[in-house]
Amino acid sequence: MNSGTDTGLAAIDISGVDAQPLTMSTLEIADLLDKRHDHVMRDARKMLAELHGGDRLPNFGGVVERPNPSGGAPIKSPVLRLPKRETLILVSGYRLDLRARIIDRWLELEAAAAPPSAAFDPSDPLVVLAVVDHMRRQVTERDAIIAGQAEKVRHLARLEGAEGSMCLRDAAKTLNVRPTELISFLSMRRWIYKRPGNASWIGYQDKIQSGFLDHIDFLYRDDDGRDRVASRVHVTAKGLARIAEILSGPVR
């Protein structure tokens, strides 16, 4: 953290606090990660030695005062004060949730250290013009988004109102995706499945009842030369519209 107080640890950094760059102490890192401080110190020393060489370790050294559990004089503990780059390198091998704690803490530190934004001065013509220009650009962007969404609504409405259905391969071609991607997409979202020993995809009953899928019977000849009838799942126009809506994001 900033080389002043280790927030949440009741530990005061006494190794020099004037005009210091933003850093995070190994003591705070250990507290955020629920790890022993000596283990974090060990990992940090190894990391710094590999990055900068062992002779540079003192440059990162510091001391904090911690309350004495026995009620006596504060305990002075050595720490390492790590800049953002070194801190993130140190925790790069830790679990995702632990890395997230460190990143969130850095965002807090950077926000606290950021200079306050200038107050809005309505008497300054340049400020007023900048605000008006910003608002005009926002309106333009909003109108473009609304126009694009309206076109998407019209396209999906026309698609949903069409007749007939198509096989998965033709549906993928219409949606401009690979057949394997569409099949994986529909399988993961429980639109289609396969029965054991059956090579054909089958539609889930709720998707059939919703009018998204249909089954088309087709004639084929088996290995023994006998005519057989099988059922193949097809995507209806309504189902195609729904898939297109999911793939492109919800229509608002």
Protein backbone atom coordinates (compact mmCIF):
# COMPACT_ATOMS: atom_id res chain seq x y z
CA MET A 1 0.00 0.00 0.00
CA ASN A 2 1.08 3.58 0.12
CA SER A 3 4.04 3.73 2.39
CA GLY A 4 2.03 5.32 5.20
CA THR A 5 -0.43 3.16 7.12
CA ASP A 6 -1.19 -0.50 6.37
CA THR A 7 -4.98 -0.19 6.33
CA GLY A 8 -6.79 -2.88 8.29
CA LEU A 9 -3.61 -4.13 9.94
CA ALA A 10 -3.13 -1.50 12.64
CA ALA A 11 0.49 -1.35 11.50
CA ILE A 12 2.32 1.93 10.92
CA ASP A 13 5.12 2.11 8.36
CA ILE A 14 8.00 4.04 9.96
CA SER A 15 10.55 3.61 7.17
CA GLY A 16 10.02 6.99 5.54
CA VAL A 17 6.71 8.36 4.37
CA ASP A 18 7.41 11.64 2.62
CA ALA A 19 6.68 11.79 -1.11
CA GLN A 20 6.92 8.04 -1.51
CA PRO A 21 5.51 6.26 -4.58
CA LEU A 22 2.44 4.09 -4.25
CA THR A 23 3.42 0.69 -2.85
CA MET A 24 1.87 -2.25 -1.02
CA SER A 25 3.62 -3.87 1.90
CA THR A 26 4.08 -7.61 2.18
CA LEU A 27 2.23 -7.41 5.49
CA GLU A 28 -0.91 -6.09 3.78
CA ILE A 29 -0.51 -8.61 0.97
CA ALA A 30 -0.34 -11.43 3.52
CA ASP A 31 -3.44 -10.07 5.26
CA LEU A 32 -5.40 -9.80 1.98
CA LEU A 33 -4.39 -13.31 0.92
CA ASP A 34 -4.86 -14.92 4.36
CA LYS A 35 -1.25 -16.11 4.23
CA ARG A 36 1.57 -16.08 6.75
CA HIS A 37 3.70 -12.98 6.44
CA ASP A 38 6.97 -14.90 6.52
CA HIS A 39 5.80 -16.99 3.57
CA VAL A 40 4.89 -13.88 1.57
CA MET A 41 8.26 -12.32 2.49
CA ARG A 42 10.02 -15.47 1.28
CA ASP A 43 8.18 -15.41 -2.06
CA ALA A 44 8.72 -11.66 -2.46
CA ARG A 45 12.49 -11.89 -1.76
CA LYS A 46 12.84 -14.67 -4.32
CA MET A 47 10.84 -12.74 -6.89
CA LEU A 48 12.78 -9.49 -6.36
CA ALA A 49 16.13 -11.26 -6.50
CA GLU A 50 15.21 -12.81 -9.84
CA LEU A 51 13.88 -9.53 -11.20
CA HIS A 52 16.44 -7.04 -9.89
CA GLY A 53 19.25 -9.02 -8.26
CA GLY A 54 19.81 -9.71 -4.58
CA ASP A 55 21.76 -6.49 -4.04
CA ARG A 56 18.61 -4.47 -4.81
CA LEU A 57 16.54 -6.02 -2.02
CA PRO A 58 17.29 -3.24 0.50
CA ASN A 59 15.68 -0.73 -1.89
CA PHE A 60 12.34 -2.40 -1.18
CA GLY A 61 12.88 -2.80 2.56
CA GLY A 62 10.83 -1.15 5.25
CA VAL A 63 9.63 -1.49 8.82
CA VAL A 64 6.14 -1.36 10.31
CA GLU A 65 4.99 -1.11 13.90
CA ARG A 66 2.33 -3.55 15.02
CA PRO A 67 0.39 -3.60 18.28
CA ASN A 68 1.90 -5.84 20.93
CA PRO A 69 -0.57 -8.57 21.95
CA SER A 70 0.92 -8.45 25.45
CA GLY A 71 0.21 -4.75 25.71
CA GLY A 72 3.85 -3.67 25.73
CA ALA A 73 5.74 -1.52 23.28
CA PRO A 74 4.76 -1.87 19.62
CA ILE A 75 6.53 -4.61 17.72
CA LYS A 76 8.71 -3.52 14.81
CA SER A 77 8.50 -5.92 11.88
CA PRO A 78 10.53 -5.82 8.66
CA VAL A 79 8.48 -5.73 5.47
CA LEU A 80 9.04 -5.29 1.76
CA ARG A 81 7.24 -2.43 0.01
CA LEU A 82 6.34 -3.49 -3.52
CA PRO A 83 5.33 -1.21 -6.39
CA LYS A 84 2.34 -2.25 -8.48
CA ARG A 85 4.36 -4.15 -11.09
CA GLU A 86 6.22 -6.24 -8.53
CA THR A 87 3.06 -6.84 -6.50
CA LEU A 88 1.18 -8.20 -9.51
CA ILE A 89 4.14 -10.37 -10.52
CA LEU A 90 4.31 -11.76 -6.98
CA VAL A 91 0.66 -12.86 -6.95
CA SER A 92 0.53 -13.98 -10.59
CA GLY A 93 0.93 -17.61 -9.54
CA TYR A 94 -1.76 -17.49 -6.85
CA ARG A 95 -5.40 -18.47 -7.23
CA LEU A 96 -7.69 -16.24 -9.27
CA ASP A 97 -9.74 -15.10 -6.28
CA LEU A 98 -6.57 -14.13 -4.39
CA ARG A 99 -5.23 -12.15 -7.36
CA ALA A 100 -8.58 -10.40 -7.58
CA ARG A 101 -8.27 -9.22 -3.96
CA ILE A 102 -4.90 -7.62 -4.71
CA ILE A 103 -6.13 -5.97 -7.92
CA ASP A 104 -9.22 -4.61 -6.15
CA ARG A 105 -7.02 -3.19 -3.38
CA TRP A 106 -4.74 -1.52 -5.94
CA LEU A 107 -7.74 0.11 -7.57
CA GLU A 108 -8.75 1.48 -4.17
CA LEU A 109 -5.23 2.82 -3.54
CA GLU A 110 -4.99 4.44 -6.97
CA ALA A 111 -8.42 6.02 -6.60
CA ALA A 112 -7.47 7.43 -3.20
CA ALA A 113 -4.17 8.77 -4.55
CA ALA A 114 -5.70 10.36 -7.67
CA PRO A 115 -5.86 14.17 -7.61
CA PRO A 116 -9.36 15.59 -7.16
CA SER A 117 -11.08 16.51 -10.38
CA ALA A 118 -11.53 20.18 -11.11
CA ALA A 119 -14.90 21.61 -10.14
CA PHE A 120 -17.28 22.51 -12.94
CA ASP A 121 -17.21 26.25 -13.58
CA PRO A 122 -20.35 27.32 -15.49
CA SER A 123 -18.94 30.81 -15.93
CA ASP A 124 -16.09 29.51 -18.13
CA PRO A 125 -17.25 29.53 -21.80
CA LEU A 126 -14.69 26.86 -22.74
CA VAL A 127 -16.03 24.54 -20.05
CA VAL A 128 -19.63 25.12 -21.17
CA LEU A 129 -18.73 24.47 -24.82
CA ALA A 130 -16.93 21.25 -23.85
CA VAL A 131 -19.98 20.04 -21.91
CA VAL A 132 -22.33 20.86 -24.78
CA ASP A 133 -20.07 19.08 -27.26
CA HIS A 134 -19.89 16.03 -25.01
CA MET A 135 -23.68 15.93 -24.66
CA ARG A 136 -24.14 16.31 -28.43
CA ARG A 137 -21.82 13.36 -29.08
CA GLN A 138 -23.70 11.27 -26.52
CA VAL A 139 -27.02 12.03 -28.24
CA THR A 140 -25.53 11.10 -31.63
CA GLU A 141 -24.19 7.81 -30.28
CA ARG A 142 -27.53 7.04 -28.63
CA ASP A 143 -29.46 7.70 -31.86
CA ALA A 144 -27.06 5.42 -33.77
CA ILE A 145 -27.58 2.62 -31.24
CA ILE A 146 -31.37 3.01 -31.38
CA ALA A 147 -31.31 2.95 -35.18
CA GLY A 148 -29.17 -0.18 -35.19
CA GLN A 149 -31.39 -1.94 -32.68
CA ALA A 150 -34.51 -1.00 -34.62
CA GLU A 151 -33.05 -2.55 -37.76
CA LYS A 152 -32.24 -5.70 -35.81
CA VAL A 153 -35.81 -5.87 -34.49
CA ARG A 154 -37.20 -5.55 -38.02
CA HIS A 155 -34.82 -8.23 -39.31
CA LEU A 156 -35.73 -10.70 -36.56
CA ALA A 157 -39.43 -9.98 -36.98
CA ARG A 158 -39.20 -10.78 -40.72
CA LEU A 159 -37.20 -13.92 -39.96
CA GLU A 160 -39.66 -15.12 -37.33
CA GLY A 161 -42.60 -14.58 -39.65
CA ALA A 162 -41.14 -16.79 -42.37
CA GLU A 163 -42.46 -20.27 -43.09
CA GLY A 164 -40.76 -23.67 -43.03
CA SER A 165 -37.66 -24.99 -41.30
CA MET A 166 -34.12 -26.04 -42.16
CA CYS A 167 -31.55 -28.58 -41.09
CA LEU A 168 -28.76 -27.65 -38.68
CA ARG A 169 -26.21 -27.23 -41.47
CA ASP A 170 -28.43 -24.83 -43.44
CA ALA A 171 -29.34 -22.99 -40.24
CA ALA A 172 -25.65 -22.49 -39.47
CA LYS A 173 -25.08 -21.16 -42.98
CA THR A 174 -27.97 -18.71 -42.58
CA LEU A 175 -26.60 -17.52 -39.24
CA ASN A 176 -23.07 -17.26 -40.69
CA VAL A 177 -21.53 -19.65 -38.15
CA ARG A 178 -19.86 -23.05 -38.52
CA PRO A 179 -22.19 -26.06 -38.19
CA THR A 180 -20.06 -27.46 -35.36
CA GLU A 181 -20.35 -24.15 -33.49
CA LEU A 182 -24.12 -24.06 -33.88
CA ILE A 183 -24.49 -27.69 -32.77
CA SER A 184 -22.29 -27.06 -29.73
CA PHE A 185 -24.25 -23.88 -28.96
CA LEU A 186 -27.62 -25.68 -29.12
CA SER A 187 -26.37 -28.70 -27.19
CA MET A 188 -24.96 -26.64 -24.31
CA ARG A 189 -28.21 -24.67 -24.03
CA ARG A 190 -30.30 -27.85 -24.01
CA TRP A 191 -31.98 -27.36 -27.36
CA ILE A 192 -30.77 -30.65 -28.85
CA TYR A 193 -29.33 -33.96 -27.61
CA LYS A 194 -28.49 -37.48 -28.76
CA ARG A 195 -29.86 -40.75 -27.45
CA PRO A 196 -27.30 -43.49 -26.71
CA GLY A 197 -26.58 -45.41 -29.90
CA ASN A 198 -28.38 -42.86 -32.06
CA ALA A 199 -26.30 -40.69 -34.38
CA SER A 200 -29.07 -38.16 -35.06
CA TRP A 201 -29.67 -35.03 -33.01
CA ILE A 202 -33.05 -34.77 -31.29
CA GLY A 203 -34.80 -31.63 -30.11
CA TYR A 204 -35.83 -31.15 -26.50
CA GLN A 205 -39.59 -31.27 -26.08
CA ASP A 206 -39.89 -27.78 -24.60
CA LYS A 207 -38.13 -26.26 -27.63
CA ILE A 208 -40.45 -28.18 -29.95
CA GLN A 209 -43.51 -27.00 -28.03
CA SER A 210 -42.18 -23.43 -28.19
CA GLY A 211 -42.04 -23.72 -31.98
CA PHE A 212 -38.26 -23.32 -32.13
CA LEU A 213 -37.50 -26.84 -33.40
CA ASP A 214 -39.24 -29.48 -35.48
CA HIS A 215 -38.55 -33.06 -36.58
CA ILE A 216 -38.59 -34.02 -40.25
CA ASP A 217 -38.83 -37.68 -41.27
CA PHE A 218 -36.55 -38.82 -44.07
CA LEU A 219 -36.04 -42.11 -45.90
CA TYR A 220 -32.66 -43.81 -46.05
CA ARG A 221 -31.24 -47.24 -46.88
CA ASP A 222 -29.30 -49.15 -44.22
CA ASP A 223 -26.22 -51.32 -44.71
CA ASP A 224 -28.39 -54.33 -45.53
CA GLY A 225 -30.15 -52.47 -48.31
CA ARG A 226 -33.41 -52.08 -46.43
CA ASP A 227 -35.38 -48.83 -46.53
CA ARG A 228 -35.60 -47.09 -43.18
CA VAL A 229 -37.29 -43.95 -41.89
CA ALA A 230 -35.48 -41.68 -39.45
CA SER A 231 -36.25 -38.32 -37.89
CA ARG A 232 -33.91 -35.33 -38.14
CA VAL A 233 -34.17 -32.18 -36.07
CA HIS A 234 -34.82 -28.97 -37.97
CA VAL A 235 -34.73 -25.35 -36.86
CA THR A 236 -37.92 -23.42 -37.55
CA ALA A 237 -37.98 -19.80 -38.69
CA LYS A 238 -39.06 -18.84 -35.18
CA GLY A 239 -36.17 -20.82 -33.70
CA LEU A 240 -33.73 -19.25 -36.14
CA ALA A 241 -34.86 -15.79 -35.05
CA ARG A 242 -34.43 -16.73 -31.39
CA ILE A 243 -30.91 -18.13 -31.98
CA ALA A 244 -29.93 -15.00 -33.93
CA GLU A 245 -31.20 -12.86 -31.06
CA ILE A 246 -29.15 -14.83 -28.50
CA LEU A 247 -26.01 -14.74 -30.62
CA SER A 248 -26.20 -10.99 -31.20
CA GLY A 249 -27.29 -10.05 -27.69
CA PRO A 250 -30.75 -9.28 -26.33
CA VAL A 251 -32.90 -6.91 -28.33
CA ARG A 252 -34.01 -4.03 -26.11
